[in-house]
Every structure is written in C-alpha cells, then in structure tokens.
Protein backbone atom coordinates (compact mmCIF):
# COMPACT_ATOMS: atom_id res chain seq x y z
CA MET A 1 86.27 60.43 35.86
CA PRO A 2 86.04 63.92 34.31
CA LYS A 3 86.14 66.75 36.84
CA ASP A 4 82.62 67.84 35.90
CA SER A 5 81.15 64.34 36.10
CA LEU A 6 79.41 64.88 39.43
CA THR A 7 77.48 67.82 38.00
CA LYS A 8 75.51 65.12 36.21
CA THR A 9 73.31 62.59 37.94
CA PRO A 10 74.21 58.90 38.15
CA ARG A 11 71.40 58.22 35.66
CA GLN A 12 72.90 60.63 33.16
CA LEU A 13 76.21 58.77 33.45
CA GLY A 14 74.57 55.37 32.99
CA TYR A 15 74.75 54.21 36.64
CA ARG A 16 72.09 51.99 38.19
CA MET A 17 71.65 50.12 41.46
CA PRO A 18 72.52 46.47 40.78
CA ALA A 19 70.46 43.58 42.08
CA GLU A 20 71.79 41.96 45.21
CA TRP A 21 72.46 38.68 43.40
CA GLU A 22 74.86 40.33 40.95
CA PRO A 23 78.56 39.66 41.70
CA HIS A 24 79.96 41.32 44.81
CA GLU A 25 83.34 42.83 45.45
CA ALA A 26 82.65 42.67 49.20
CA THR A 27 80.14 42.75 52.03
CA TRP A 28 80.26 45.51 54.66
CA LEU A 29 79.45 44.70 58.31
CA ALA A 30 79.78 46.60 61.60
CA TRP A 31 80.73 44.56 64.67
CA PRO A 32 78.14 44.67 67.51
CA HIS A 33 79.33 46.49 70.62
CA ASN A 34 76.29 47.91 72.42
CA PRO A 35 74.68 45.45 74.90
CA GLU A 36 71.60 47.68 75.06
CA ASP A 37 70.76 46.73 71.48
CA TRP A 38 70.21 43.13 72.68
CA PRO A 39 69.37 43.49 76.39
CA GLY A 40 69.70 40.15 78.14
CA LYS A 41 70.97 38.36 75.01
CA PHE A 42 74.07 40.25 73.97
CA SER A 43 76.61 37.60 75.02
CA SER A 44 75.69 35.35 72.09
CA ILE A 45 75.60 38.08 69.43
CA PRO A 46 79.35 38.54 68.75
CA TRP A 47 79.74 34.78 68.18
CA LEU A 48 76.81 34.81 65.77
CA TYR A 49 78.45 37.68 63.87
CA ALA A 50 81.69 35.71 63.81
CA GLU A 51 79.90 32.79 62.18
CA ILE A 52 78.32 35.08 59.58
CA VAL A 53 81.71 36.59 58.79
CA ARG A 54 83.11 33.07 58.43
CA LEU A 55 80.42 32.11 55.94
CA LEU A 56 80.84 35.28 53.90
CA ALA A 57 84.64 35.40 53.95
CA ALA A 58 84.70 31.94 52.36
CA ARG A 59 83.12 33.53 49.27
CA GLU A 60 83.99 37.22 49.14
CA ARG A 61 85.87 39.97 50.95
CA VAL A 62 84.35 41.24 54.19
CA HIS A 63 84.91 44.83 55.27
CA LEU A 64 84.45 44.73 59.04
CA ILE A 65 83.93 47.96 60.99
CA VAL A 66 85.09 47.85 64.63
CA GLU A 67 85.16 50.48 67.37
CA ASN A 68 88.91 50.70 67.89
CA ALA A 69 92.21 48.81 67.78
CA ALA A 70 91.51 46.93 71.01
CA MET A 71 88.24 45.60 69.65
CA ARG A 72 89.93 44.74 66.37
CA ARG A 73 92.37 42.48 68.22
CA ARG A 74 89.56 40.77 70.14
CA VAL A 75 87.45 40.27 67.04
CA ARG A 76 90.39 38.93 65.07
CA GLY A 77 90.92 36.33 67.78
CA MET A 78 87.25 35.32 67.70
CA LEU A 79 87.27 34.99 63.93
CA ASP A 80 90.43 32.91 64.07
CA ARG A 81 88.77 30.54 66.54
CA THR A 82 85.72 30.13 64.29
CA GLY A 83 87.92 29.28 61.29
CA ALA A 84 87.17 32.40 59.25
CA ASN A 85 89.49 33.19 56.36
CA LEU A 86 91.18 36.26 57.84
CA ASP A 87 92.93 36.99 54.55
CA GLN A 88 89.50 37.94 53.25
CA VAL A 89 88.63 40.27 56.16
CA THR A 90 89.60 43.95 56.14
CA PHE A 91 89.18 45.82 59.43
CA HIS A 92 88.25 49.50 59.80
CA ASP A 93 88.56 51.23 63.18
CA TRP A 94 85.51 53.47 62.93
CA PRO A 95 83.21 54.06 65.93
CA THR A 96 79.51 53.46 65.31
CA ASP A 97 76.23 53.77 67.17
CA ARG A 98 74.76 50.50 65.88
CA GLY A 99 75.63 47.79 63.40
CA TRP A 100 72.83 48.02 60.84
CA THR A 101 74.96 48.92 57.82
CA ARG A 102 72.10 48.20 55.40
CA ASP A 103 70.49 51.41 56.60
CA SER A 104 73.38 53.66 57.61
CA GLY A 105 75.79 52.77 54.81
CA PRO A 106 75.81 54.12 51.25
CA ILE A 107 74.03 52.44 48.36
CA PHE A 108 76.34 51.43 45.53
CA VAL A 109 75.61 51.93 41.83
CA ARG A 110 77.45 50.70 38.75
CA ASN A 111 77.55 51.70 35.07
CA PRO A 112 77.77 49.51 31.94
CA GLN A 113 81.53 50.06 31.75
CA GLY A 114 81.89 48.40 35.15
CA ARG A 115 82.66 51.53 37.17
CA VAL A 116 81.24 51.56 40.70
CA ALA A 117 80.13 54.67 42.61
CA LEU A 118 78.30 55.50 45.83
CA THR A 119 75.07 57.29 46.62
CA CYS A 120 75.27 58.71 50.13
CA TRP A 121 71.75 59.19 51.45
CA ARG A 122 71.11 60.88 54.78
CA PHE A 123 70.63 58.68 57.84
CA ASN A 124 68.71 59.94 60.89
CA GLY A 125 68.23 56.87 63.09
CA TRP A 126 64.96 55.77 61.46
CA ALA A 127 63.45 59.12 62.50
CA LYS A 128 63.01 57.83 66.05
CA TYR A 129 66.34 57.30 67.86
CA ASP A 130 68.75 59.96 69.10
CA ASP A 131 72.04 58.06 68.80
CA TRP A 132 72.75 58.01 65.07
CA HIS A 133 75.41 60.66 64.43
CA LEU A 134 78.34 58.23 64.33
CA ASP A 135 76.45 55.95 61.95
CA ALA A 136 75.69 58.91 59.71
CA LYS A 137 79.45 59.34 59.10
CA LEU A 138 79.74 55.91 57.50
CA PRO A 139 79.01 56.94 53.87
CA GLY A 140 81.64 59.68 54.02
CA ARG A 141 84.22 57.34 55.55
CA MET A 142 83.60 54.71 52.90
CA THR A 143 83.76 57.25 50.10
CA LYS A 144 87.12 58.53 51.32
CA LEU A 145 88.53 55.02 51.78
CA LEU A 146 87.39 53.65 48.42
CA GLY A 147 88.17 56.75 46.40
CA LEU A 148 85.09 56.26 44.26
CA PRO A 149 82.72 58.89 42.81
CA ALA A 150 79.88 59.72 45.18
CA TRP A 151 76.65 61.70 45.19
CA GLN A 152 74.46 62.91 48.04
CA PRO A 153 70.88 62.72 46.73
CA PHE A 154 68.79 65.81 47.38
CA VAL A 155 65.60 67.62 46.53
CA ARG A 156 65.08 71.36 46.17
CA SER A 157 62.52 73.34 48.14
CA GLU A 158 60.49 76.12 46.59
CA ASP A 159 63.19 78.65 47.52
CA GLY A 160 65.77 76.59 45.62
CA ALA A 161 67.58 75.26 48.71
CA LYS A 162 68.93 71.70 48.62
CA HIS A 163 67.72 69.17 51.20
CA ALA A 164 69.49 65.82 51.60
CA ILE A 165 67.10 62.88 51.31
CA VAL A 166 66.80 60.34 54.13
CA LEU A 167 66.77 56.77 52.83
CA GLU A 168 67.59 53.46 54.49
CA GLY A 169 68.75 50.54 52.37
CA GLY A 170 66.29 48.18 54.06
CA SER A 171 63.38 50.30 52.87
CA ILE A 172 64.00 49.48 49.20
CA ASP A 173 64.71 46.43 47.04
CA THR A 174 65.56 46.35 43.34
CA ASN A 175 65.77 43.82 40.53
CA GLY A 176 68.72 45.60 38.93
CA ALA A 177 66.67 46.12 35.77
CA GLY A 178 64.83 49.32 36.62
CA SER A 179 62.20 48.15 39.14
CA LEU A 180 62.19 49.03 42.85
CA MET A 181 59.91 48.02 45.72
CA THR A 182 59.27 50.04 48.86
CA THR A 183 56.37 50.74 51.23
CA ALA A 184 54.09 53.70 51.67
CA GLU A 185 54.26 53.21 55.44
CA CYS A 186 57.99 53.86 55.51
CA LEU A 187 58.49 56.54 52.85
CA LEU A 188 55.14 58.30 52.44
CA SER A 189 53.68 58.34 55.96
CA ASP A 190 53.50 61.73 57.67
CA VAL A 191 53.99 59.94 60.98
CA GLN A 192 57.53 58.76 60.20
CA GLN A 193 58.87 62.12 59.07
CA ARG A 194 61.83 60.73 57.16
CA ASN A 195 61.56 63.59 54.69
CA PRO A 196 59.06 66.22 55.84
CA GLY A 197 57.68 68.20 52.94
CA VAL A 198 59.11 65.87 50.28
CA SER A 199 56.44 64.58 47.90
CA ARG A 200 56.04 61.16 46.34
CA SER A 201 56.96 62.57 42.95
CA GLN A 202 60.17 64.06 44.36
CA LEU A 203 61.16 60.70 45.86
CA GLU A 204 60.42 58.98 42.56
CA GLN A 205 62.55 61.53 40.75
CA ALA A 206 65.41 60.95 43.21
CA PHE A 207 65.25 57.18 42.67
CA TYR A 208 65.18 57.78 38.92
CA ASP A 209 68.15 60.16 39.00
CA PHE A 210 70.38 58.56 41.62
CA LEU A 211 69.60 54.82 41.44
CA GLY A 212 68.62 54.45 37.79
CA ILE A 213 65.09 53.33 38.66
CA ASP A 214 62.32 53.39 36.05
CA GLN A 215 59.43 51.88 38.00
CA ILE A 216 58.49 52.02 41.70
CA ILE A 217 56.12 49.54 43.33
CA PHE A 218 54.69 51.02 46.52
CA LEU A 219 53.40 48.35 48.88
CA GLY A 220 51.39 49.16 51.99
CA ARG A 221 52.48 48.26 55.51
CA GLY A 222 55.30 46.24 57.04
CA ILE A 223 55.18 43.51 59.68
CA ALA A 224 54.39 43.58 63.39
CA GLY A 225 57.34 44.42 65.62
CA ASP A 226 59.27 46.30 62.95
CA ASP A 227 60.58 49.47 64.61
CA THR A 228 61.52 50.89 61.20
CA HIS A 229 57.81 51.06 60.33
CA GLY A 230 57.61 49.28 57.03
CA HIS A 231 60.98 48.17 55.72
CA VAL A 232 60.35 46.16 52.59
CA ASP A 233 63.16 43.67 53.25
CA ASP A 234 60.90 41.94 55.79
CA ILE A 235 57.96 41.52 53.42
CA ALA A 236 58.96 41.19 49.74
CA ARG A 237 62.20 40.68 47.82
CA PHE A 238 63.24 40.40 44.20
CA VAL A 239 64.99 37.09 43.52
CA ALA A 240 65.23 37.50 39.71
CA PRO A 241 64.39 40.36 37.31
CA ALA A 242 60.75 39.25 37.03
CA THR A 243 60.36 37.13 40.18
CA ILE A 244 59.43 38.28 43.69
CA VAL A 245 59.15 36.31 46.92
CA ALA A 246 56.37 37.70 49.12
CA ALA A 247 55.87 36.95 52.80
CA VAL A 248 52.41 35.62 53.64
CA GLU A 249 50.69 34.84 56.94
CA ARG A 250 48.00 32.12 56.74
CA ASP A 251 46.64 32.66 60.26
CA ALA A 252 43.81 35.15 59.85
CA SER A 253 44.00 36.06 63.54
CA ASP A 254 47.63 37.16 63.29
CA ALA A 255 48.45 40.87 63.04
CA ASN A 256 50.46 40.24 59.88
CA HIS A 257 47.69 38.49 57.95
CA ALA A 258 45.83 41.53 56.58
CA PRO A 259 48.78 43.77 55.62
CA LEU A 260 50.69 40.92 53.96
CA ALA A 261 47.55 39.84 52.08
CA GLU A 262 47.12 43.40 50.79
CA ASN A 263 50.77 43.55 49.75
CA LEU A 264 50.39 40.22 47.93
CA PHE A 265 47.36 41.57 46.06
CA GLN A 266 49.35 44.62 44.97
CA LEU A 267 52.28 42.50 43.81
CA LYS A 268 50.03 40.27 41.73
CA ALA A 269 48.61 43.39 40.06
CA ALA A 270 52.06 44.90 39.40
CA ARG A 271 53.76 44.67 36.01
CA THR A 272 57.37 44.72 34.87
CA THR A 273 58.74 47.65 32.89
CA THR A 274 57.83 45.68 29.76
CA GLY A 275 54.22 45.22 30.89
CA LYS A 276 54.37 41.57 31.96
CA GLN A 277 53.22 40.06 35.24
CA PHE A 278 55.81 39.29 37.86
CA THR A 279 56.13 35.70 39.02
CA ILE A 280 55.16 35.80 42.70
CA VAL A 281 56.49 33.10 45.03
CA GLU A 282 54.84 32.99 48.45
CA LEU A 283 57.13 32.68 51.46
CA PRO A 284 55.63 31.67 54.82
CA MET A 285 56.13 33.62 58.02
CA PRO A 286 57.43 31.96 61.17
CA CYS A 287 55.20 31.77 64.20
CA PRO A 288 55.31 34.98 66.26
CA VAL A 289 58.61 35.45 68.09
CA ILE A 290 58.08 37.15 71.44
CA PHE A 291 60.61 37.99 74.15
CA ARG A 292 59.87 39.93 77.30
CA ARG A 293 56.31 40.31 76.02
CA GLN A 294 57.55 42.18 72.95
CA ARG A 295 56.92 40.88 69.46
CA VAL A 296 59.97 41.15 67.22
CA PRO A 297 60.10 41.34 63.38
CA ALA A 298 60.96 37.74 62.57
CA SER A 299 60.75 37.08 58.82
CA TYR A 300 62.44 34.72 56.38
CA ALA A 301 62.40 37.54 53.81
CA ASN A 302 65.30 39.19 55.64
CA PHE A 303 67.78 36.92 53.84
CA TYR A 304 71.08 38.09 52.33
CA VAL A 305 72.35 37.09 48.89
CA ALA A 306 76.14 36.92 48.54
CA ASN A 307 78.50 35.30 46.03
CA GLY A 308 77.44 31.68 45.79
CA VAL A 309 75.34 31.68 48.97
CA VAL A 310 72.06 32.87 50.47
CA LEU A 311 72.01 33.33 54.25
CA VAL A 312 68.49 32.92 55.65
CA PRO A 313 67.34 33.70 59.21
CA THR A 314 65.71 30.73 60.94
CA PHE A 315 63.74 30.64 64.18
CA HIS A 316 63.41 27.04 65.46
CA ASP A 317 60.07 27.02 63.66
CA ARG A 318 58.19 24.39 61.69
CA ASN A 319 58.32 26.70 58.65
CA ASP A 320 62.13 26.98 58.70
CA ARG A 321 62.58 23.99 56.41
CA LEU A 322 59.77 25.13 54.08
CA ALA A 323 61.28 28.61 53.72
CA LEU A 324 64.77 27.23 53.07
CA ASN A 325 63.41 24.88 50.39
CA ILE A 326 61.50 27.69 48.67
CA LEU A 327 64.57 29.91 48.57
CA ALA A 328 66.71 27.01 47.36
CA GLU A 329 64.32 26.64 44.42
CA VAL A 330 64.51 30.32 43.45
CA PHE A 331 68.30 30.41 43.90
CA PRO A 332 69.30 27.07 42.32
CA ASP A 333 72.87 28.20 41.66
CA ARG A 334 73.59 29.17 45.28
CA GLU A 335 73.99 27.32 48.55
CA VAL A 336 71.13 28.26 50.87
CA ILE A 337 72.18 28.25 54.53
CA GLY A 338 69.94 28.78 57.53
CA VAL A 339 71.37 30.97 60.30
CA HIS A 340 69.71 30.62 63.70
CA SER A 341 68.45 34.13 64.49
CA MET A 342 66.30 33.90 67.62
CA ASP A 343 68.83 35.98 69.57
CA LEU A 344 69.75 38.25 66.65
CA ILE A 345 66.17 39.31 65.98
CA TRP A 346 65.85 40.60 69.56
CA GLY A 347 67.92 43.53 68.25
CA LEU A 348 65.02 44.18 65.81
CA GLY A 349 67.04 43.29 62.74
CA ALA A 350 68.41 40.22 61.01
CA LEU A 351 70.81 39.18 58.24
CA HIS A 352 69.81 41.64 55.54
CA CYS A 353 69.73 44.53 58.00
CA MET A 354 73.32 43.93 59.13
CA THR A 355 74.88 43.64 55.66
CA GLN A 356 75.53 45.98 52.74
CA GLN A 357 76.89 44.67 49.46
CA GLN A 358 79.57 46.38 47.38
CA PRO A 359 79.11 45.29 43.75
CA ALA A 360 82.00 44.03 41.71
CA ALA A 361 83.49 46.42 39.17
CA ARG A 362 82.55 44.61 35.99
CA PRO A 363 80.26 45.24 32.99
CA ALA A 364 76.62 45.20 33.99
CA ASP A 365 74.20 42.62 32.63
CA VAL A 366 71.54 45.17 31.68
CA ASP A 367 71.86 47.50 28.69
CA LEU A 368 70.62 50.89 29.88
CA SER A 369 70.79 52.28 26.34
CA ALA A 370 67.60 50.41 25.45
CA GLY A 371 65.47 53.25 26.81
CA ALA A 372 63.25 51.92 29.60
CA PRO A 373 59.98 53.63 30.54
CA VAL A 374 60.10 56.73 32.73
CA ALA A 375 59.00 56.51 36.35
CA ALA A 376 55.92 58.42 37.43
CA GLY A 377 56.91 61.99 38.05
CA GLY A 378 60.26 61.50 36.32
CA GLN A 379 61.93 63.22 33.42
CA LYS A 380 64.17 62.03 30.64
CA PRO A 381 67.73 63.16 31.45
C-alpha cells in the first residue's frame, strides 16, 4: 500500500468489516491455561477446545495461540489424539491472560479489491478485571506476524489529544453491508466506563470511519449472568444481510424475559439501510444454567459461523434441538453442529467468545461505491 495510506481511514480506502459468514482465511483461538477461569471444571476444557479445533481445522486454517513451547507440544499431542488436521493448525507461542480472542483480538476489515487489514481497538479486560495486559498485546502481535495494514481507532478530546477506543468484538455484530448491532448497556452506560467521556456520536463516527458502518442499531440490555454487561453476541445476530436471529425468553418470570422482549421490539422497528424491515427469526433461550449458585450466560446466540459450518453451544436442554433446527434453516448451505457447552459456559463465554475470524483476501460481495446512507453523527469522507 502507499506509504501515506494510513493517514486515511479504512472507510476512505474502501474497507469494511465483512459479515462472519463471508469466506474465512482462518480462525484465531487462544488455548485455555488458567484453571481459575473455570474453577472446578477446568479439566474438561482443553479437550473441548481440542474438539473445536478439530471441527474448524477440517474446513479452514486455525491459528492457535499457546503459552510457550512446552504447551505447544502438549496441545499438539492432544490434537493428534482427537484426529485434528494438524497441517491446518499454526501455533503461536504468545502468553495470554485469557482465551477470549473475540474481545482481545483485532477486528479485520477488507476492501473491494480483496485486501485485508486490521483495526486494533484497545482492550481493558471488560473494564472490570485487572489481568488483561498480555491480552492487550494480541492485536500488535497479529499485525506484526501478518504484515497487513493496521489502524488503532481513536477519538480526539477537546484539547486535540488522541484517545484509543475500547471495543470488544463480542459487543458488536454486522451484516457486512453497512449495518451493525450493539447494546446501550455495553457501550453507552456510564457504569461500564469502557470509554469515559466518549459520546455516542463519537462512537458512531469511529464505526463509520474504521469499520465502514453506515447504520447502528442500539439494543438495550444483555442477558443475566453476562459479566461483560451487554454483549450483543448473546442476544441477537445477523445471519444474512436483512435477517436477524433474536434470542427470546417465553417465561415471564425469568430475568431475561423483559430485556429480550424489549430488544425484540426494537429489532422489529429497525430498518435496513434501504428502508426495509429486517426479517426477524426468534431463537429460544435454554433453561437457566446455574453452577455454584451462580447463573451463567447460556445462549444459543453465541454460535460461530465458519467455512461450511456453524458451531452452536448446547446445554442438555429441551430447546437444544429447536435452536439447532432454526439455525439450520437460516444457514441452509452449512452444516450446523451442536457443541456441548455446559462446562465451557462456566468460564462466562462460549463458542463465539473464543473465536475471531480472519476474512479471506478476495473481492467483497458488496459494492461500497453505491453510496450508502451516512450513520447518525457521521460525515462523508
């Protein structure tokens, strides 16, 4: 790219955040190593990760982050025993705090010529944990390894100083055609303090400039047990440019009933960038999952879409089959596989939280030259 290219925003260079269902070059994962993230259940977690790597490596490359060479050798042995295609697994000896690469990793963008780049948002441990500094190095490590263009999104204060923006990948979801969903609880609440002093219009401008977003749908609250306070990937997901699956809770006595009903109302009132209604597909919630008297954020919406497959968390629940059938209908060209996640969710995250897709370098399906509407608070580049 030209030397002065990074003086322009990704939007100005035609980049956008692709939808998750667009072709992948790879999936990034970080191997679990901290028993305190799954107290009392950790022994089963590495084998579950091995199975997930096996499923993904059958369809695309897996970049697997491990603590050190000794762990790499152990993990390689585990993967070999599970039958994973090791030719499709690339190891990286990078120490981490946790394994939730959806939130700590960069967010990839791609332009119509097929070039891929990274946006490296700031990570601060969900504004609540102290051990995040190793995870925060992940975007820089990936940028150096891949040798791709990269931006660190920022806003300017009144004195002109730049401030890096905190953003976790699980807090947003996009259709790859200019629309993005997030929640007010996560990004606009004063309680969470992701970005103190940053306004809604500044966030919208950042999404416009750095992710190529034209329209932002702000939902309300997330689900019970979610320690991220409102990540959208537990409540609503794009499954096609104009189709959204929305988690619903039928039991009026459940803590999730009211906030999910309000989010559903907002989604039904939302419109595409061309002014049409979205098709809303309702996705049931599992019964509450509780361990050691703590409710955890179990949701079928935390699925991951990879090349040719959709991995869906399941919970030994009567709604497992219903959720899998619904997702099979909205992804007819992919194999939909349930992954038992009762132990995994005790770590307060599931399949989408642990993965981050790297899009394939190929021409995009959406023509950005058509001139989509401007997001609220945005400017034409």
